[in-house]
Amino acid sequence: MKRITRRHLLQSAGAVAAGAVAGCATTSETTSAAPMPFVVAGTTIPVVGTTERFPVRRIYCIGRNYAAHAREMGSDPTREPPFFFQKPTDAVQVVMPGTVGDHPYPPLTKNYHYEVELVAALKAGGRNVTTAQALDLVYGYAVGLDMTRRDLQRAMGDEKKPWEIGKSFDRSAPIGPLHRVADIGHFEQGRITLAVNGAVKQNANLNQMIWSVAEQISKLSEAFELRPGDIIYSGTPENVGPVVRGDVMTAHIDKLPDLVVKVV
C-alpha cells in the first residue's frame, strides 16, 4: 500500500489546512544526513478503497463523552467540560474486516476493560477551530477500541497521579481501516455496540454523545495545534467491563465493518 505523507494530506485539505502547514515536513525532509543506528517504523492505518495508508501523528481520546458512562465512572455529565488524554502511536493495532486480531492481555492488570469508540482521522489542522469549520478537517472514520487497565487507572486516580499507565500501553488502541468521508459521509447518529463472545455489552447511539465530533475537534484545538495525521477516539457508551484471555470482542458502528479481536 502507498503511504499517505503529511504533505499529501495537507495538499488535499484545501483552504482549511492553510494555517496548519508550518512544521509539517515529510520524514525525508527532516532526516539528518548522518545515518542512525536504528529505524523507527511509522504508524499507519490502511484506507479502504485505495492502496494508501494514513500516517498517524497523535492519538487523542476524550473521556466520559456519553452521559450514562460518565455517571458509571462517578462524574456529573451535566457539569463536566470535555477532557482529553493521549495514547502513543504504537498503541495502534490494525485489524482488517473479516479477520480476528489476536490482542494480547497486557501485564500488571487484573481488570482489563473494553471501550468501543468512533474514531475520526484528520487531514488538516489548526488552532481555535470553530465547530462550523471542524468537520472540514476530517479525512475519514474507523471503529476502534480504547482498551483500559481499569485497576491501574483507578489506583492512580485515587492517588491523584496521572493514569497514563491505565490507558497508554502496547496495542491499547485496536482499530479497523479508515473509510473516507467522501465515501461514507459524517456520523450524526447510528448504533454503536460492543459484544463479548456474542453477548451485547455496550449498546447506544452516536447521537447520545455529550460532545459531537465537531465540538471535540474545536475544544481540542483550543489546547493543542491540531495537525494532519491526528486521530481522535470520540468516547465510549456505558457498560464498559472486563475481558479475559479467550474472549472475543466484536465492535460495531453502523456504516462501518465490524472490528473483531480475541484476547490472547
Protein backbone atom coordinates (compact mmCIF):
# COMPACT_ATOMS: atom_id res chain seq x y z
CA MET A 1 0.00 0.00 0.00
CA LYS A 2 1.10 3.54 -0.72
CA ARG A 3 1.78 5.64 2.37
CA ILE A 4 -0.04 8.98 2.52
CA THR A 5 2.52 11.58 3.55
CA ARG A 6 1.50 14.51 5.70
CA ARG A 7 2.31 16.68 2.67
CA HIS A 8 -0.29 14.68 0.73
CA LEU A 9 -2.84 15.25 3.47
CA LEU A 10 -2.08 18.96 3.55
CA GLN A 11 -2.46 19.26 -0.21
CA SER A 12 -5.85 17.54 -0.05
CA ALA A 13 -7.11 19.68 2.79
CA GLY A 14 -7.70 22.88 0.82
CA ALA A 15 -8.11 26.23 2.49
CA VAL A 16 -8.82 24.77 5.92
CA ALA A 17 -5.26 23.49 6.16
CA ALA A 18 -3.62 26.78 5.30
CA GLY A 19 -2.98 27.72 8.90
CA ALA A 20 -1.54 24.35 9.85
CA VAL A 21 1.21 23.73 7.30
CA ALA A 22 4.16 25.09 9.27
CA GLY A 23 6.41 22.34 10.50
CA CYS A 24 4.60 19.53 8.68
CA ALA A 25 7.51 18.33 6.56
CA THR A 26 7.85 14.76 5.40
CA THR A 27 10.29 12.46 7.13
CA SER A 28 12.75 12.64 4.24
CA GLU A 29 12.96 16.42 4.58
CA THR A 30 13.79 16.36 8.29
CA THR A 31 16.13 13.37 8.44
CA SER A 32 19.76 14.19 9.20
CA ALA A 33 22.39 13.18 6.67
CA ALA A 34 24.15 11.18 9.37
CA PRO A 35 22.98 7.56 9.47
CA MET A 36 21.02 6.42 12.51
CA PRO A 37 21.89 3.15 14.29
CA PHE A 38 18.26 2.03 14.19
CA VAL A 39 15.00 2.62 12.33
CA VAL A 40 11.69 3.56 13.98
CA ALA A 41 8.78 2.48 11.83
CA GLY A 42 5.94 4.96 11.39
CA THR A 43 2.40 4.03 12.38
CA THR A 44 -0.09 3.89 9.52
CA ILE A 45 -3.70 2.80 9.01
CA PRO A 46 -4.97 1.38 5.68
CA VAL A 47 -7.57 3.40 3.77
CA VAL A 48 -10.48 1.42 2.34
CA GLY A 49 -10.82 1.50 -1.45
CA THR A 50 -7.25 2.73 -2.01
CA THR A 51 -3.68 1.49 -1.83
CA GLU A 52 -2.83 4.33 0.55
CA ARG A 53 -2.04 4.26 4.25
CA PHE A 54 -2.87 7.09 6.65
CA PRO A 55 0.14 8.17 8.79
CA VAL A 56 -0.73 8.64 12.46
CA ARG A 57 0.81 11.67 14.20
CA ARG A 58 -1.05 11.73 17.54
CA ILE A 59 -3.86 9.79 19.18
CA TYR A 60 -6.29 11.90 21.21
CA CYS A 61 -9.04 10.36 23.33
CA ILE A 62 -11.98 12.08 25.01
CA GLY A 63 -13.13 10.86 28.41
CA ARG A 64 -16.71 10.35 29.63
CA ASN A 65 -18.48 11.54 26.49
CA TYR A 66 -21.74 9.63 27.00
CA ALA A 67 -23.88 10.69 29.95
CA ALA A 68 -24.56 7.20 31.28
CA HIS A 69 -20.89 6.24 31.04
CA ALA A 70 -19.90 9.45 32.83
CA ARG A 71 -22.26 8.51 35.67
CA GLU A 72 -20.92 4.95 35.88
CA MET A 73 -17.42 6.45 36.18
CA GLY A 74 -18.59 8.64 39.07
CA SER A 75 -18.88 12.08 37.41
CA ASP A 76 -21.70 14.50 36.64
CA PRO A 77 -22.18 14.83 32.86
CA THR A 78 -24.28 17.99 33.22
CA ARG A 79 -21.36 20.00 34.64
CA GLU A 80 -18.14 18.39 33.41
CA PRO A 81 -16.33 20.06 30.48
CA PRO A 82 -14.65 17.73 27.95
CA PHE A 83 -11.24 16.39 28.88
CA PHE A 84 -8.69 14.57 26.78
CA PHE A 85 -5.71 12.26 27.10
CA GLN A 86 -3.30 10.74 24.58
CA LYS A 87 -2.01 7.32 23.63
CA PRO A 88 1.31 6.65 21.87
CA THR A 89 1.07 5.96 18.15
CA ASP A 90 2.40 2.42 18.63
CA ALA A 91 -0.74 1.67 20.66
CA VAL A 92 -2.45 1.22 17.29
CA GLN A 93 -3.32 -2.38 16.39
CA VAL A 94 -4.87 -2.53 12.92
CA VAL A 95 -7.36 -5.36 12.41
CA MET A 96 -8.82 -5.83 8.94
CA PRO A 97 -12.51 -6.67 8.33
CA GLY A 98 -13.21 -10.37 8.07
CA THR A 99 -10.30 -11.26 10.34
CA VAL A 100 -9.94 -11.83 14.07
CA GLY A 101 -6.99 -9.98 15.55
CA ASP A 102 -5.01 -11.57 18.37
CA HIS A 103 -5.00 -8.98 21.13
CA PRO A 104 -2.52 -9.66 23.95
CA TYR A 105 -3.73 -9.36 27.53
CA PRO A 106 -1.38 -6.71 28.97
CA PRO A 107 0.83 -7.09 32.04
CA LEU A 108 0.17 -5.66 35.52
CA THR A 109 -3.63 -5.70 35.32
CA LYS A 110 -6.34 -7.99 36.67
CA ASN A 111 -9.25 -5.86 35.43
CA TYR A 112 -8.92 -5.27 31.68
CA HIS A 113 -11.79 -3.30 30.12
CA TYR A 114 -13.19 -2.73 26.62
CA GLU A 115 -14.45 0.63 25.35
CA VAL A 116 -15.88 0.81 21.80
CA GLU A 117 -15.48 4.20 20.07
CA LEU A 118 -15.90 6.04 16.79
CA VAL A 119 -12.50 7.28 15.56
CA ALA A 120 -12.09 10.41 13.42
CA ALA A 121 -8.89 10.93 11.37
CA LEU A 122 -7.80 14.45 10.44
CA LYS A 123 -6.44 15.57 7.07
CA ALA A 124 -5.87 19.15 8.23
CA GLY A 125 -5.46 21.04 11.48
CA GLY A 126 -5.09 24.41 13.10
CA ARG A 127 -5.74 26.31 16.32
CA ASN A 128 -9.04 27.60 17.67
CA VAL A 129 -11.06 25.82 15.00
CA THR A 130 -14.78 26.67 15.14
CA THR A 131 -17.38 23.92 15.25
CA ALA A 132 -18.61 25.13 11.85
CA GLN A 133 -15.13 24.51 10.38
CA ALA A 134 -14.27 21.36 12.33
CA LEU A 135 -15.73 18.63 10.14
CA ASP A 136 -13.86 20.03 7.11
CA LEU A 137 -10.69 18.77 8.82
CA VAL A 138 -11.87 15.14 8.91
CA TYR A 139 -10.41 12.74 6.35
CA GLY A 140 -12.24 9.60 7.44
CA TYR A 141 -13.63 7.41 10.20
CA ALA A 142 -13.00 3.98 11.72
CA VAL A 143 -14.25 1.84 14.55
CA GLY A 144 -11.83 1.49 17.46
CA LEU A 145 -11.33 0.13 20.95
CA ASP A 146 -9.86 2.18 23.80
CA MET A 147 -8.61 -0.71 25.92
CA THR A 148 -8.05 0.15 29.57
CA ARG A 149 -6.23 -1.36 32.54
CA ARG A 150 -9.05 -0.21 34.80
CA ASP A 151 -7.50 -1.23 38.09
CA LEU A 152 -4.33 0.73 37.32
CA GLN A 153 -6.31 3.73 36.10
CA ARG A 154 -8.41 3.83 39.27
CA ALA A 155 -5.43 3.31 41.55
CA MET A 156 -3.61 6.24 40.00
CA GLY A 157 -6.74 8.38 40.21
CA ASP A 158 -7.17 7.57 43.89
CA GLU A 159 -3.60 8.72 44.49
CA LYS A 160 -4.11 11.94 42.46
CA LYS A 161 -1.48 10.75 39.97
CA PRO A 162 -1.65 10.67 36.16
CA TRP A 163 -3.40 7.49 34.99
CA GLU A 164 -1.43 7.13 31.76
CA ILE A 165 -0.39 3.61 32.78
CA GLY A 166 -4.04 2.57 32.63
CA LYS A 167 -4.58 3.87 29.10
CA SER A 168 -1.30 4.29 27.19
CA PHE A 169 0.28 0.90 26.64
CA ASP A 170 1.14 -1.51 23.85
CA ARG A 171 -1.75 -2.27 21.46
CA SER A 172 -4.23 -0.40 23.62
CA ALA A 173 -5.88 1.13 20.54
CA PRO A 174 -7.19 -1.60 18.19
CA ILE A 175 -8.72 -0.06 15.07
CA GLY A 176 -10.23 -1.03 11.74
CA PRO A 177 -9.29 0.55 8.40
CA LEU A 178 -10.25 4.14 7.63
CA HIS A 179 -13.26 4.96 5.48
CA ARG A 180 -13.03 8.30 3.72
CA VAL A 181 -15.64 10.99 4.35
CA ALA A 182 -16.01 11.26 0.57
CA ASP A 183 -17.26 7.66 0.59
CA ILE A 184 -19.39 7.43 3.75
CA GLY A 185 -20.07 10.99 4.92
CA HIS A 186 -20.08 12.10 8.55
CA PHE A 187 -21.71 10.45 11.56
CA GLU A 188 -24.57 12.25 13.29
CA GLN A 189 -26.24 9.08 14.54
CA GLY A 190 -26.04 5.31 14.28
CA ARG A 191 -25.77 2.28 16.55
CA ILE A 192 -22.53 1.71 18.41
CA THR A 193 -22.22 -1.65 20.15
CA LEU A 194 -19.69 -3.98 21.73
CA ALA A 195 -20.29 -7.70 22.15
CA VAL A 196 -18.19 -10.18 24.11
CA ASN A 197 -18.50 -13.78 22.94
CA GLY A 198 -21.69 -12.82 21.12
CA ALA A 199 -23.38 -11.17 24.12
CA VAL A 200 -24.00 -7.44 23.64
CA LYS A 201 -22.48 -5.42 26.48
CA GLN A 202 -22.48 -1.85 25.17
CA ASN A 203 -25.40 -0.58 23.09
CA ALA A 204 -26.01 3.09 22.34
CA ASN A 205 -26.42 5.65 19.57
CA LEU A 206 -23.78 8.10 18.39
CA ASN A 207 -26.28 10.93 18.80
CA GLN A 208 -26.02 10.36 22.57
CA MET A 209 -22.52 11.85 22.66
CA ILE A 210 -22.32 14.81 25.03
CA TRP A 211 -19.77 16.49 22.74
CA SER A 212 -20.08 15.85 19.00
CA VAL A 213 -17.04 15.12 16.85
CA ALA A 214 -17.10 18.73 15.60
CA GLU A 215 -17.20 20.05 19.17
CA GLN A 216 -14.40 17.73 20.22
CA ILE A 217 -12.17 18.99 17.40
CA SER A 218 -12.97 22.59 18.30
CA LYS A 219 -12.22 22.07 22.01
CA LEU A 220 -9.03 20.14 21.28
CA SER A 221 -7.79 22.92 19.03
CA GLU A 222 -8.02 25.38 21.92
CA ALA A 223 -5.41 23.36 23.82
CA PHE A 224 -3.30 21.88 21.00
CA GLU A 225 -2.39 22.81 17.46
CA LEU A 226 -4.04 20.00 15.54
CA ARG A 227 -2.18 18.61 12.52
CA PRO A 228 -2.81 16.23 9.63
CA GLY A 229 -2.39 12.68 10.86
CA ASP A 230 -4.09 13.23 14.23
CA ILE A 231 -6.81 10.74 15.15
CA ILE A 232 -9.49 11.22 17.80
CA TYR A 233 -11.18 8.44 19.79
CA SER A 234 -14.54 10.06 20.47
CA GLY A 235 -15.68 8.37 23.69
CA THR A 236 -17.49 5.21 24.73
CA PRO A 237 -21.04 4.42 25.88
CA GLU A 238 -21.97 2.95 29.24
CA ASN A 239 -21.49 -0.64 30.40
CA VAL A 240 -17.74 -0.93 29.99
CA GLY A 241 -16.48 -4.13 31.52
CA PRO A 242 -13.73 -6.73 31.79
CA VAL A 243 -12.44 -9.33 29.37
CA VAL A 244 -10.09 -12.26 29.94
CA ARG A 245 -7.96 -14.46 27.71
CA GLY A 246 -10.07 -16.34 25.20
CA ASP A 247 -12.81 -13.69 25.00
CA VAL A 248 -13.76 -12.40 21.53
CA MET A 249 -14.83 -8.76 21.26
CA THR A 250 -16.91 -7.51 18.33
CA ALA A 251 -17.06 -3.74 17.96
CA HIS A 252 -19.79 -2.39 15.68
CA ILE A 253 -20.73 1.06 14.35
CA ASP A 254 -23.39 1.44 11.68
CA LYS A 255 -21.91 2.07 8.19
CA LEU A 256 -18.55 0.55 9.20
CA PRO A 257 -17.40 -3.10 9.12
CA ASP A 258 -17.07 -4.83 12.48
CA LEU A 259 -13.78 -4.86 14.36
CA VAL A 260 -13.18 -8.30 15.90
CA VAL A 261 -10.35 -9.15 18.30
CA LYS A 262 -9.60 -12.13 20.52
CA VAL A 263 -7.83 -11.65 23.83
CA VAL A 264 -4.79 -13.94 23.97
